[in-house]
Amino acid sequence: MRLLPLFVILGTFVSSCAKAPVTENGTGGAVGSGGATGKGGATGTGGVTGTGGKIGTGGATSTGGTTSTGGSTVAGSVDCTDTSTYSNLVTSQYGATAITVDNNSNKTYFMQANWWGTPYNSQQEQITGLGFSMTNPPPNNVTSVKDTPMGFPSIFIGTYGTKATKGSNLPKQISSLTSVPTIFSTNADSHGTSNFNATYDVWLTQSSAVVTGGNPGSGGAYLMVWLFKPSDRQPNGSPLASGRFVDGVSGTWTVWNGTSNSLPCISYVSDTPLSSLQFDLNNFIQDAITNKYGSINTNQYLSIIFAGFEVWGGGDGLKVNKFCANVK
């Protein structure tokens, strides 16, 4: 499988591990018996008929567990309560803007457009709170650069070159992580899934140094969580394991093993298409470590968490309803 190149353009860097197609009642009591007949005396009176026992009540009906809805949202309760009423319009090919958090003045997110490929068609992103909607992606055109999405508009936390969010608690060494509750909600299920995905792109680095280049650097790795696999696309590399359960996360996952920029790239792809997911990202990180996927290890640092759409074509009207992440 051919490796996916990384693009470094106008100070905006994003890696992708994507690749083109290969394509009960109780019983009553016993009835009492009559008394015996007396000798020569008055006839004995019959014994009193015994009363039936009380009918036993059936046990309370057990309620079924919560049902996971396929093709839609896997809901959970996660400690990620960031909210925002920020609004802005990003109109440039590599536009970016910081997003303020209403209920935490010490925290911010970043949204960046990052349309590096062709055909570029003056795509725009309307930011609404901790989400955005896309307009103007070419509806019928697919990128002409084989194996490479035309862009990855996303929201992230962490420090990425000159773009530094506040209050992210990143970078943080994996050995010190306790949990990373996160929410990623989209409208992808209403737009088809042939030429885009909805995914996390998580950068793991060898040290706590700020990422200034276009990849996590030597000793680093990528970990992606795809909410679905597009019908016409696949992650970089090849399937390593299928039907995998990840502790604490609903559903099953196919794990893909590949490389990008000569670095390991592990992609978890939901076997049931999802438009939204609430979970603990650390569960995926620990699963990769336990199963020795790639070279992900406890000495590395969780440095940046991106969430957005990799787009090979179309995508007009795609929307991230909300992304938030809380690193603990």
C-alpha atoms as a PDB file:
ATOM      1  CA  MET A   1       0.000   0.000   0.000  1.00  0.00           C
ATOM      2  CA  ARG A   2       1.367   3.384  -0.910  1.00  0.00           C
ATOM      3  CA  LEU A   3       2.109   5.748   1.929  1.00  0.00           C
ATOM      4  CA  LEU A   4       0.115   8.911   2.266  1.00  0.00           C
ATOM      5  CA  PRO A   5       2.328  11.963   1.979  1.00  0.00           C
ATOM      6  CA  LEU A   6       2.154  14.838   4.444  1.00  0.00           C
ATOM      7  CA  PHE A   7       1.632  18.335   3.168  1.00  0.00           C
ATOM      8  CA  VAL A   8       3.392  21.338   4.648  1.00  0.00           C
ATOM      9  CA  ILE A   9       1.865  24.451   3.152  1.00  0.00           C
ATOM     10  CA  LEU A  10       1.780  28.034   4.368  1.00  0.00           C
ATOM     11  CA  GLY A  11       2.546  26.982   7.923  1.00  0.00           C
ATOM     12  CA  THR A  12      -0.412  24.589   8.105  1.00  0.00           C
ATOM     13  CA  PHE A  13       0.376  20.930   8.676  1.00  0.00           C
ATOM     14  CA  VAL A  14      -1.920  17.938   9.020  1.00  0.00           C
ATOM     15  CA  SER A  15      -1.221  14.283   8.577  1.00  0.00           C
ATOM     16  CA  SER A  16      -3.740  11.802   7.356  1.00  0.00           C
ATOM     17  CA  CYS A  17      -3.580   8.033   7.614  1.00  0.00           C
ATOM     18  CA  ALA A  18      -6.133   7.689   4.844  1.00  0.00           C
ATOM     19  CA  LYS A  19      -5.742   5.830   1.598  1.00  0.00           C
ATOM     20  CA  ALA A  20      -7.682   5.506  -1.641  1.00  0.00           C
ATOM     21  CA  PRO A  21      -9.967   2.534  -2.526  1.00  0.00           C
ATOM     22  CA  VAL A  22      -8.687  -1.081  -2.935  1.00  0.00           C
ATOM     23  CA  THR A  23     -12.477  -0.519  -2.364  1.00  0.00           C
ATOM     24  CA  GLU A  24     -44.499 -16.967  37.488  1.00  0.00           C
ATOM     25  CA  ASN A  25     -48.005 -17.478  39.738  1.00  0.00           C
ATOM     26  CA  GLY A  26     -47.595 -19.111  43.190  1.00  0.00           C
ATOM     27  CA  THR A  27     -49.557 -22.414  43.965  1.00  0.00           C
ATOM     28  CA  GLY A  28     -52.677 -22.330  46.201  1.00  0.00           C
ATOM     29  CA  GLY A  29     -52.687 -24.026  49.666  1.00  0.00           C
ATOM     30  CA  ALA A  30     -53.979 -27.644  50.057  1.00  0.00           C
ATOM     31  CA  VAL A  31     -57.764 -28.179  50.758  1.00  0.00           C
ATOM     32  CA  GLY A  32     -58.531 -29.272  54.438  1.00  0.00           C
ATOM     33  CA  SER A  33     -59.903 -32.847  55.011  1.00  0.00           C
ATOM     34  CA  GLY A  34     -63.240 -33.561  56.834  1.00  0.00           C
ATOM     35  CA  GLY A  35     -63.258 -34.795  60.486  1.00  0.00           C
ATOM     36  CA  ALA A  36     -63.850 -38.524  61.417  1.00  0.00           C
ATOM     37  CA  THR A  37     -67.384 -39.855  62.410  1.00  0.00           C
ATOM     38  CA  GLY A  38     -67.937 -40.146  66.276  1.00  0.00           C
ATOM     39  CA  LYS A  39     -68.720 -43.539  67.942  1.00  0.00           C
ATOM     40  CA  GLY A  40     -72.360 -43.756  69.249  1.00  0.00           C
ATOM     41  CA  GLY A  41     -72.315 -40.081  69.962  1.00  0.00           C
ATOM     42  CA  ALA A  42     -73.377 -37.262  67.862  1.00  0.00           C
ATOM     43  CA  THR A  43     -72.130 -37.364  64.454  1.00  0.00           C
ATOM     44  CA  GLY A  44     -68.937 -35.489  64.271  1.00  0.00           C
ATOM     45  CA  THR A  45     -68.960 -32.344  62.381  1.00  0.00           C
ATOM     46  CA  GLY A  46     -66.848 -32.161  59.346  1.00  0.00           C
ATOM     47  CA  GLY A  47     -63.651 -30.332  59.619  1.00  0.00           C
ATOM     48  CA  VAL A  48     -63.419 -26.808  58.350  1.00  0.00           C
ATOM     49  CA  THR A  49     -62.327 -26.672  54.801  1.00  0.00           C
ATOM     50  CA  GLY A  50     -58.863 -25.269  54.574  1.00  0.00           C
ATOM     51  CA  THR A  51     -58.366 -22.017  52.698  1.00  0.00           C
ATOM     52  CA  GLY A  52     -56.140 -21.907  49.672  1.00  0.00           C
ATOM     53  CA  GLY A  53     -52.838 -20.222  50.009  1.00  0.00           C
ATOM     54  CA  LYS A  54     -52.252 -16.819  48.505  1.00  0.00           C
ATOM     55  CA  ILE A  55     -51.347 -16.712  44.895  1.00  0.00           C
ATOM     56  CA  GLY A  56     -47.679 -15.782  44.606  1.00  0.00           C
ATOM     57  CA  THR A  57     -46.824 -12.605  42.754  1.00  0.00           C
ATOM     58  CA  GLY A  58     -44.469 -12.774  39.843  1.00  0.00           C
ATOM     59  CA  GLY A  59     -41.090 -11.091  40.132  1.00  0.00           C
ATOM     60  CA  ALA A  60     -40.588  -7.584  38.867  1.00  0.00           C
ATOM     61  CA  THR A  61     -39.866  -7.351  35.189  1.00  0.00           C
ATOM     62  CA  SER A  62     -36.188  -6.726  34.468  1.00  0.00           C
ATOM     63  CA  THR A  63     -35.465  -3.721  32.293  1.00  0.00           C
ATOM     64  CA  GLY A  64     -33.219  -4.303  29.353  1.00  0.00           C
ATOM     65  CA  GLY A  65     -29.909  -2.559  29.010  1.00  0.00           C
ATOM     66  CA  THR A  66     -29.472   0.563  26.949  1.00  0.00           C
ATOM     67  CA  THR A  67     -29.569  -0.142  23.254  1.00  0.00           C
ATOM     68  CA  SER A  68     -26.782   1.119  21.039  1.00  0.00           C
ATOM     69  CA  THR A  69     -28.210   2.620  17.903  1.00  0.00           C
ATOM     70  CA  GLY A  70     -26.498   1.512  14.770  1.00  0.00           C
ATOM     71  CA  GLY A  71     -25.718   4.036  12.058  1.00  0.00           C
ATOM     72  CA  SER A  72     -26.414   6.934  14.361  1.00  0.00           C
ATOM     73  CA  THR A  73     -25.202   7.895  17.800  1.00  0.00           C
ATOM     74  CA  VAL A  74     -23.579   5.868  20.517  1.00  0.00           C
ATOM     75  CA  ALA A  75     -24.396   7.888  23.577  1.00  0.00           C
ATOM     76  CA  GLY A  76     -22.660   7.855  26.876  1.00  0.00           C
ATOM     77  CA  SER A  77     -22.031  10.101  29.819  1.00  0.00           C
ATOM     78  CA  VAL A  78     -18.637  11.725  29.643  1.00  0.00           C
ATOM     79  CA  ASP A  79     -17.123  14.551  31.615  1.00  0.00           C
ATOM     80  CA  CYS A  80     -16.775  17.007  28.765  1.00  0.00           C
ATOM     81  CA  THR A  81     -19.080  19.944  29.356  1.00  0.00           C
ATOM     82  CA  ASP A  82     -17.381  22.725  27.388  1.00  0.00           C
ATOM     83  CA  THR A  83     -19.844  25.059  25.673  1.00  0.00           C
ATOM     84  CA  SER A  84     -19.394  27.992  23.340  1.00  0.00           C
ATOM     85  CA  THR A  85     -21.477  30.598  21.522  1.00  0.00           C
ATOM     86  CA  TYR A  86     -18.561  31.755  19.405  1.00  0.00           C
ATOM     87  CA  SER A  87     -19.339  32.467  15.763  1.00  0.00           C
ATOM     88  CA  ASN A  88     -17.103  33.176  12.799  1.00  0.00           C
ATOM     89  CA  LEU A  89     -16.703  32.447   9.093  1.00  0.00           C
ATOM     90  CA  VAL A  90     -13.454  31.000   7.759  1.00  0.00           C
ATOM     91  CA  THR A  91     -13.096  31.757   4.064  1.00  0.00           C
ATOM     92  CA  SER A  92      -9.464  31.143   3.169  1.00  0.00           C
ATOM     93  CA  GLN A  93      -7.816  27.918   2.090  1.00  0.00           C
ATOM     94  CA  TYR A  94      -5.714  27.688   5.230  1.00  0.00           C
ATOM     95  CA  GLY A  95      -7.826  29.862   7.512  1.00  0.00           C
ATOM     96  CA  ALA A  96      -7.883  29.260  11.252  1.00  0.00           C
ATOM     97  CA  THR A  97      -9.402  30.836  14.315  1.00  0.00           C
ATOM     98  CA  ALA A  98      -9.368  30.334  18.077  1.00  0.00           C
ATOM     99  CA  ILE A  99     -12.701  29.365  19.661  1.00  0.00           C
ATOM    100  CA  THR A 100     -13.510  30.675  23.123  1.00  0.00           C
ATOM    101  CA  VAL A 101     -15.257  28.523  25.741  1.00  0.00           C
ATOM    102  CA  ASP A 102     -18.161  30.189  27.544  1.00  0.00           C
ATOM    103  CA  ASN A 103     -18.038  28.169  30.748  1.00  0.00           C
ATOM    104  CA  ASN A 104     -14.251  28.105  31.041  1.00  0.00           C
ATOM    105  CA  SER A 105     -12.402  31.319  30.298  1.00  0.00           C
ATOM    106  CA  ASN A 106      -9.095  29.490  30.706  1.00  0.00           C
ATOM    107  CA  LYS A 107      -9.706  27.145  27.760  1.00  0.00           C
ATOM    108  CA  THR A 108      -9.833  27.570  24.000  1.00  0.00           C
ATOM    109  CA  TYR A 109     -10.017  25.398  20.885  1.00  0.00           C
ATOM    110  CA  PHE A 110      -8.778  26.020  17.357  1.00  0.00           C
ATOM    111  CA  MET A 111     -10.619  25.473  14.096  1.00  0.00           C
ATOM    112  CA  GLN A 112      -8.556  25.268  10.911  1.00  0.00           C
ATOM    113  CA  ALA A 113      -9.637  24.815   7.296  1.00  0.00           C
ATOM    114  CA  ASN A 114      -6.573  23.164   5.763  1.00  0.00           C
ATOM    115  CA  TRP A 115      -7.593  22.537   2.145  1.00  0.00           C
ATOM    116  CA  TRP A 116      -4.277  21.415   0.731  1.00  0.00           C
ATOM    117  CA  GLY A 117      -5.425  19.382  -2.274  1.00  0.00           C
ATOM    118  CA  THR A 118      -7.220  19.809  -5.553  1.00  0.00           C
ATOM    119  CA  PRO A 119      -9.725  20.774  -6.713  1.00  0.00           C
ATOM    120  CA  TYR A 120      -9.945  23.665  -4.277  1.00  0.00           C
ATOM    121  CA  ASN A 121     -13.219  25.565  -4.745  1.00  0.00           C
ATOM    122  CA  SER A 122     -13.245  28.398  -2.207  1.00  0.00           C
ATOM    123  CA  GLN A 123     -14.565  26.158   0.548  1.00  0.00           C
ATOM    124  CA  GLN A 124     -15.841  27.946   3.638  1.00  0.00           C
ATOM    125  CA  GLU A 125     -16.544  26.901   7.212  1.00  0.00           C
ATOM    126  CA  GLN A 126     -19.187  28.574   9.338  1.00  0.00           C
ATOM    127  CA  ILE A 127     -18.129  28.165  12.956  1.00  0.00           C
ATOM    128  CA  THR A 128     -20.936  27.903  15.479  1.00  0.00           C
ATOM    129  CA  GLY A 129     -19.773  27.217  19.016  1.00  0.00           C
ATOM    130  CA  LEU A 130     -17.581  24.136  19.171  1.00  0.00           C
ATOM    131  CA  GLY A 131     -18.608  23.039  15.692  1.00  0.00           C
ATOM    132  CA  PHE A 132     -18.662  24.128  12.076  1.00  0.00           C
ATOM    133  CA  SER A 133     -20.486  23.518   8.811  1.00  0.00           C
ATOM    134  CA  MET A 134     -18.880  23.289   5.366  1.00  0.00           C
ATOM    135  CA  THR A 135     -20.010  25.022   2.191  1.00  0.00           C
ATOM    136  CA  ASN A 136     -18.799  25.032  -1.413  1.00  0.00           C
ATOM    137  CA  PRO A 137     -16.836  21.759  -1.628  1.00  0.00           C
ATOM    138  CA  PRO A 138     -17.156  20.621  -5.245  1.00  0.00           C
ATOM    139  CA  PRO A 139     -20.221  18.311  -5.184  1.00  0.00           C
ATOM    140  CA  ASN A 140     -19.224  16.017  -8.034  1.00  0.00           C
ATOM    141  CA  ASN A 141     -15.486  16.357  -8.201  1.00  0.00           C
ATOM    142  CA  VAL A 142     -13.070  14.031  -6.487  1.00  0.00           C
ATOM    143  CA  THR A 143      -9.508  15.016  -5.695  1.00  0.00           C
ATOM    144  CA  SER A 144      -7.171  14.361  -8.578  1.00  0.00           C
ATOM    145  CA  VAL A 145      -4.267  13.459  -6.292  1.00  0.00           C
ATOM    146  CA  LYS A 146      -4.388   9.708  -5.803  1.00  0.00           C
ATOM    147  CA  ASP A 147      -4.541   8.434  -2.212  1.00  0.00           C
ATOM    148  CA  THR A 148      -4.775  11.930  -0.723  1.00  0.00           C
ATOM    149  CA  PRO A 149      -7.804  13.800   0.646  1.00  0.00           C
ATOM    150  CA  MET A 150      -8.175  17.339  -0.599  1.00  0.00           C
ATOM    151  CA  GLY A 151      -8.384  18.592   2.960  1.00  0.00           C
ATOM    152  CA  PHE A 152      -9.043  17.997   6.633  1.00  0.00           C
ATOM    153  CA  PRO A 153     -11.103  20.822   8.156  1.00  0.00           C
ATOM    154  CA  SER A 154     -11.030  20.160  11.879  1.00  0.00           C
ATOM    155  CA  ILE A 155     -11.137  21.449  15.432  1.00  0.00           C
ATOM    156  CA  PHE A 156      -8.267  20.635  17.756  1.00  0.00           C
ATOM    157  CA  ILE A 157      -6.716  21.118  21.173  1.00  0.00           C
ATOM    158  CA  GLY A 158      -2.995  21.269  21.852  1.00  0.00           C
ATOM    159  CA  THR A 159      -0.167  23.255  20.352  1.00  0.00           C
ATOM    160  CA  TYR A 160       0.332  22.997  16.621  1.00  0.00           C
ATOM    161  CA  GLY A 161       3.051  25.244  15.302  1.00  0.00           C
ATOM    162  CA  THR A 162       2.033  28.818  16.087  1.00  0.00           C
ATOM    163  CA  LYS A 163      -1.530  27.779  16.972  1.00  0.00           C
ATOM    164  CA  ALA A 164      -1.707  27.108  20.711  1.00  0.00           C
ATOM    165  CA  THR A 165      -4.955  26.429  22.531  1.00  0.00           C
ATOM    166  CA  LYS A 166      -5.347  27.317  26.193  1.00  0.00           C
ATOM    167  CA  GLY A 167      -6.201  24.902  29.003  1.00  0.00           C
ATOM    168  CA  SER A 168      -5.742  21.704  26.993  1.00  0.00           C
ATOM    169  CA  ASN A 169      -3.455  20.037  29.585  1.00  0.00           C
ATOM    170  CA  LEU A 170      -1.329  18.929  26.634  1.00  0.00           C
ATOM    171  CA  PRO A 171       1.184  17.569  26.036  1.00  0.00           C
ATOM    172  CA  LYS A 172       0.782  14.918  28.725  1.00  0.00           C
ATOM    173  CA  GLN A 173       2.720  11.687  29.032  1.00  0.00           C
ATOM    174  CA  ILE A 174       0.585   8.632  28.405  1.00  0.00           C
ATOM    175  CA  SER A 175       1.800   7.003  31.638  1.00  0.00           C
ATOM    176  CA  SER A 176       0.175   9.917  33.518  1.00  0.00           C
ATOM    177  CA  LEU A 177      -3.165   9.874  31.704  1.00  0.00           C
ATOM    178  CA  THR A 178      -6.206   8.884  33.743  1.00  0.00           C
ATOM    179  CA  SER A 179      -8.919   9.621  31.165  1.00  0.00           C
ATOM    180  CA  VAL A 180      -9.653  11.716  28.082  1.00  0.00           C
ATOM    181  CA  PRO A 181     -13.453  12.097  27.905  1.00  0.00           C
ATOM    182  CA  THR A 182     -14.475  13.416  24.526  1.00  0.00           C
ATOM    183  CA  ILE A 183     -17.545  14.074  22.359  1.00  0.00           C
ATOM    184  CA  PHE A 184     -17.605  14.180  18.570  1.00  0.00           C
ATOM    185  CA  SER A 185     -21.051  14.770  17.035  1.00  0.00           C
ATOM    186  CA  THR A 186     -21.703  15.221  13.308  1.00  0.00           C
ATOM    187  CA  ASN A 187     -24.501  15.091  10.713  1.00  0.00           C
ATOM    188  CA  ALA A 188     -22.549  12.689   8.505  1.00  0.00           C
ATOM    189  CA  ASP A 189     -25.307  10.058   8.431  1.00  0.00           C
ATOM    190  CA  SER A 190     -27.464  12.409   6.339  1.00  0.00           C
ATOM    191  CA  HIS A 191     -24.830  13.044   3.683  1.00  0.00           C
ATOM    192  CA  GLY A 192     -23.682   9.630   2.503  1.00  0.00           C
ATOM    193  CA  THR A 193     -20.208   8.329   3.115  1.00  0.00           C
ATOM    194  CA  SER A 194     -18.543   7.674  -0.221  1.00  0.00           C
ATOM    195  CA  ASN A 195     -15.814  10.296  -0.272  1.00  0.00           C
ATOM    196  CA  PHE A 196     -15.325  11.593   3.245  1.00  0.00           C
ATOM    197  CA  ASN A 197     -14.934  10.316   6.782  1.00  0.00           C
ATOM    198  CA  ALA A 198     -15.451  11.708  10.280  1.00  0.00           C
ATOM    199  CA  THR A 199     -12.369  11.007  12.313  1.00  0.00           C
ATOM    200  CA  TYR A 200     -10.061  11.792  15.181  1.00  0.00           C
ATOM    201  CA  ASP A 201      -6.416  12.313  14.298  1.00  0.00           C
ATOM    202  CA  VAL A 202      -4.373  11.985  17.484  1.00  0.00           C
ATOM    203  CA  TRP A 203      -0.685  12.908  17.535  1.00  0.00           C
ATOM    204  CA  LEU A 204       1.607  11.099  19.941  1.00  0.00           C
ATOM    205  CA  THR A 205       5.129  12.439  20.345  1.00  0.00           C
ATOM    206  CA  GLN A 206       8.375  11.188  21.841  1.00  0.00           C
ATOM    207  CA  SER A 207       8.854  14.245  24.048  1.00  0.00           C
ATOM    208  CA  SER A 208       6.883  17.127  25.516  1.00  0.00           C
ATOM    209  CA  ALA A 209       8.376  19.575  23.034  1.00  0.00           C
ATOM    210  CA  VAL A 210       5.930  21.647  21.018  1.00  0.00           C
ATOM    211  CA  VAL A 211       5.168  20.233  17.581  1.00  0.00           C
ATOM    212  CA  THR A 212       6.556  22.703  15.077  1.00  0.00           C
ATOM    213  CA  GLY A 213       6.762  20.528  11.967  1.00  0.00           C
ATOM    214  CA  GLY A 214       4.257  18.706   9.839  1.00  0.00           C
ATOM    215  CA  ASN A 215       4.189  15.474  11.834  1.00  0.00           C
ATOM    216  CA  PRO A 216       4.712  14.158  15.390  1.00  0.00           C
ATOM    217  CA  GLY A 217       8.426  13.705  14.763  1.00  0.00           C
ATOM    218  CA  SER A 218      10.854  10.869  15.333  1.00  0.00           C
ATOM    219  CA  GLY A 219       9.592   8.352  17.873  1.00  0.00           C
ATOM    220  CA  GLY A 220       6.028   9.578  17.484  1.00  0.00           C
ATOM    221  CA  ALA A 221       2.908   7.932  16.113  1.00  0.00           C
ATOM    222  CA  TYR A 222      -0.590   8.611  14.868  1.00  0.00           C
ATOM    223  CA  LEU A 223      -3.782   7.108  16.289  1.00  0.00           C
ATOM    224  CA  MET A 224      -7.040   7.634  14.426  1.00  0.00           C
ATOM    225  CA  VAL A 225     -10.648   6.797  15.375  1.00  0.00           C
ATOM    226  CA  TRP A 226     -12.938   6.655  12.325  1.00  0.00           C
ATOM    227  CA  LEU A 227     -16.675   6.841  13.017  1.00  0.00           C
ATOM    228  CA  PHE A 228     -17.183   4.980   9.759  1.00  0.00           C
ATOM    229  CA  LYS A 229     -15.305   3.736   6.729  1.00  0.00           C
ATOM    230  CA  PRO A 230     -16.273   5.506   3.509  1.00  0.00           C
ATOM    231  CA  SER A 231     -17.526   3.158   0.800  1.00  0.00           C
ATOM    232  CA  ASP A 232     -14.860   4.345  -1.626  1.00  0.00           C
ATOM    233  CA  ARG A 233     -11.942   4.882   0.747  1.00  0.00           C
ATOM    234  CA  GLN A 234      -9.930   3.107   3.416  1.00  0.00           C
ATOM    235  CA  PRO A 235      -7.305   3.893   6.041  1.00  0.00           C
ATOM    236  CA  ASN A 236      -3.637   3.685   5.277  1.00  0.00           C
ATOM    237  CA  GLY A 237      -2.155   0.189   5.435  1.00  0.00           C
ATOM    238  CA  SER A 238      -4.098  -3.017   5.910  1.00  0.00           C
ATOM    239  CA  PRO A 239      -6.457  -4.572   8.487  1.00  0.00           C
ATOM    240  CA  LEU A 240      -4.617  -5.903  11.519  1.00  0.00           C
ATOM    241  CA  ALA A 241      -7.601  -7.113  13.583  1.00  0.00           C
ATOM    242  CA  SER A 242     -11.358  -7.139  13.045  1.00  0.00           C
ATOM    243  CA  GLY A 243     -14.411  -7.341  15.317  1.00  0.00           C
ATOM    244  CA  ARG A 244     -12.338  -5.923  18.160  1.00  0.00           C
ATOM    245  CA  PHE A 245     -13.967  -4.829  21.432  1.00  0.00           C
ATOM    246  CA  VAL A 246     -12.374  -1.837  23.130  1.00  0.00           C
ATOM    247  CA  ASP A 247     -12.952  -1.742  26.896  1.00  0.00           C
ATOM    248  CA  GLY A 248     -15.429   0.963  27.827  1.00  0.00           C
ATOM    249  CA  VAL A 249     -16.452   1.711  24.238  1.00  0.00           C
ATOM    250  CA  SER A 250     -19.601   0.502  22.477  1.00  0.00           C
ATOM    251  CA  GLY A 251     -19.528  -1.586  19.335  1.00  0.00           C
ATOM    252  CA  THR A 252     -16.743  -3.414  17.538  1.00  0.00           C
ATOM    253  CA  TRP A 253     -13.815  -2.037  15.609  1.00  0.00           C
ATOM    254  CA  THR A 254     -11.508  -3.015  12.789  1.00  0.00           C
ATOM    255  CA  VAL A 255      -7.914  -1.991  13.427  1.00  0.00           C
ATOM    256  CA  TRP A 256      -5.767  -0.920  10.490  1.00  0.00           C
ATOM    257  CA  ASN A 257      -1.985  -0.818  10.646  1.00  0.00           C
ATOM    258  CA  GLY A 258      -0.084   1.533   8.399  1.00  0.00           C
ATOM    259  CA  THR A 259       2.608   4.188   8.265  1.00  0.00           C
ATOM    260  CA  SER A 260       2.552   7.870   7.416  1.00  0.00           C
ATOM    261  CA  ASN A 261       5.662  10.000   7.166  1.00  0.00           C
ATOM    262  CA  SER A 262       7.573   6.857   8.181  1.00  0.00           C
ATOM    263  CA  LEU A 263       5.680   6.850  11.488  1.00  0.00           C
ATOM    264  CA  PRO A 264       3.240   4.182  12.724  1.00  0.00           C
ATOM    265  CA  CYS A 265      -0.395   4.976  12.079  1.00  0.00           C
ATOM    266  CA  ILE A 266      -3.048   2.905  13.883  1.00  0.00           C
ATOM    267  CA  SER A 267      -6.640   3.480  12.761  1.00  0.00           C
ATOM    268  CA  TYR A 268      -9.676   2.154  14.642  1.00  0.00           C
ATOM    269  CA  VAL A 269     -12.675   2.023  12.282  1.00  0.00           C
ATOM    270  CA  SER A 270     -16.177   1.462  13.672  1.00  0.00           C
ATOM    271  CA  ASP A 271     -17.796  -1.657  12.208  1.00  0.00           C
ATOM    272  CA  THR A 272     -21.199   0.044  12.548  1.00  0.00           C
ATOM    273  CA  PRO A 273     -21.308   3.491  10.938  1.00  0.00           C
ATOM    274  CA  LEU A 274     -21.744   6.226  13.511  1.00  0.00           C
ATOM    275  CA  SER A 275     -22.475   9.904  13.184  1.00  0.00           C
ATOM    276  CA  SER A 276     -21.583  10.667  16.806  1.00  0.00           C
ATOM    277  CA  LEU A 277     -19.604   9.149  19.625  1.00  0.00           C
ATOM    278  CA  GLN A 278     -18.995   9.889  23.305  1.00  0.00           C
ATOM    279  CA  PHE A 279     -16.165   7.931  24.880  1.00  0.00           C
ATOM    280  CA  ASP A 280     -12.827   7.971  26.662  1.00  0.00           C
ATOM    281  CA  LEU A 281     -10.053   8.370  24.135  1.00  0.00           C
ATOM    282  CA  ASN A 282      -7.596   6.883  26.619  1.00  0.00           C
ATOM    283  CA  ASN A 283      -9.369   3.525  26.153  1.00  0.00           C
ATOM    284  CA  PHE A 284      -8.166   3.399  22.563  1.00  0.00           C
ATOM    285  CA  ILE A 285      -4.664   4.484  23.526  1.00  0.00           C
ATOM    286  CA  GLN A 286      -4.448   1.793  26.209  1.00  0.00           C
ATOM    287  CA  ASP A 287      -5.893  -0.815  23.829  1.00  0.00           C
ATOM    288  CA  ALA A 288      -3.174  -0.037  21.299  1.00  0.00           C
ATOM    289  CA  ILE A 289      -0.498  -0.334  23.988  1.00  0.00           C
ATOM    290  CA  THR A 290      -1.894  -3.613  25.379  1.00  0.00           C
ATOM    291  CA  ASN A 291      -2.083  -5.176  21.940  1.00  0.00           C
ATOM    292  CA  LYS A 292       1.249  -3.743  20.795  1.00  0.00           C
ATOM    293  CA  TYR A 293      -0.250  -1.939  17.813  1.00  0.00           C
ATOM    294  CA  GLY A 294       2.417   0.091  16.122  1.00  0.00           C
ATOM    295  CA  SER A 295       4.986   1.416  18.556  1.00  0.00           C
ATOM    296  CA  ILE A 296       2.522   3.266  20.784  1.00  0.00           C
ATOM    297  CA  ASN A 297       3.817   3.139  24.354  1.00  0.00           C
ATOM    298  CA  THR A 298       3.435   4.721  27.791  1.00  0.00           C
ATOM    299  CA  ASN A 299       6.564   6.843  27.395  1.00  0.00           C
ATOM    300  CA  GLN A 300       5.068   8.840  24.568  1.00  0.00           C
ATOM    301  CA  TYR A 301       3.112  12.057  25.014  1.00  0.00           C
ATOM    302  CA  LEU A 302      -0.417  12.816  23.935  1.00  0.00           C
ATOM    303  CA  SER A 303       0.204  16.125  22.181  1.00  0.00           C
ATOM    304  CA  ILE A 304      -2.641  17.095  19.830  1.00  0.00           C
ATOM    305  CA  ILE A 305      -6.228  15.880  19.322  1.00  0.00           C
ATOM    306  CA  PHE A 306      -7.885  16.801  16.024  1.00  0.00           C
ATOM    307  CA  ALA A 307     -11.477  15.927  15.055  1.00  0.00           C
ATOM    308  CA  GLY A 308     -13.004  16.675  11.677  1.00  0.00           C
ATOM    309  CA  PHE A 309     -13.650  15.451   8.144  1.00  0.00           C
ATOM    310  CA  GLU A 310     -11.139  14.078   5.696  1.00  0.00           C
ATOM    311  CA  VAL A 311     -12.659  15.002   2.354  1.00  0.00           C
ATOM    312  CA  TRP A 312     -11.819  13.402  -0.996  1.00  0.00           C
ATOM    313  CA  GLY A 313     -14.804  14.973  -2.747  1.00  0.00           C
ATOM    314  CA  GLY A 314     -18.159  16.670  -2.100  1.00  0.00           C
ATOM    315  CA  GLY A 315     -19.146  17.213   1.512  1.00  0.00           C
ATOM    316  CA  ASP A 316     -21.208  20.358   1.034  1.00  0.00           C
ATOM    317  CA  GLY A 317     -23.326  20.800   4.186  1.00  0.00           C
ATOM    318  CA  LEU A 318     -21.267  18.486   6.356  1.00  0.00           C
ATOM    319  CA  LYS A 319     -21.384  19.639   9.935  1.00  0.00           C
ATOM    320  CA  VAL A 320     -19.568  19.053  13.181  1.00  0.00           C
ATOM    321  CA  ASN A 321     -22.250  19.691  15.779  1.00  0.00           C
ATOM    322  CA  LYS A 322     -19.770  19.589  18.636  1.00  0.00           C
ATOM    323  CA  PHE A 323     -16.279  18.509  19.489  1.00  0.00           C
ATOM    324  CA  CYS A 324     -14.864  18.681  22.977  1.00  0.00           C
ATOM    325  CA  ALA A 325     -12.083  16.905  24.817  1.00  0.00           C
ATOM    326  CA  ASN A 326     -10.974  16.985  28.461  1.00  0.00           C
ATOM    327  CA  VAL A 327      -7.505  15.627  29.150  1.00  0.00           C
ATOM    328  CA  LYS A 328      -7.006  14.337  32.686  1.00  0.00           C
END
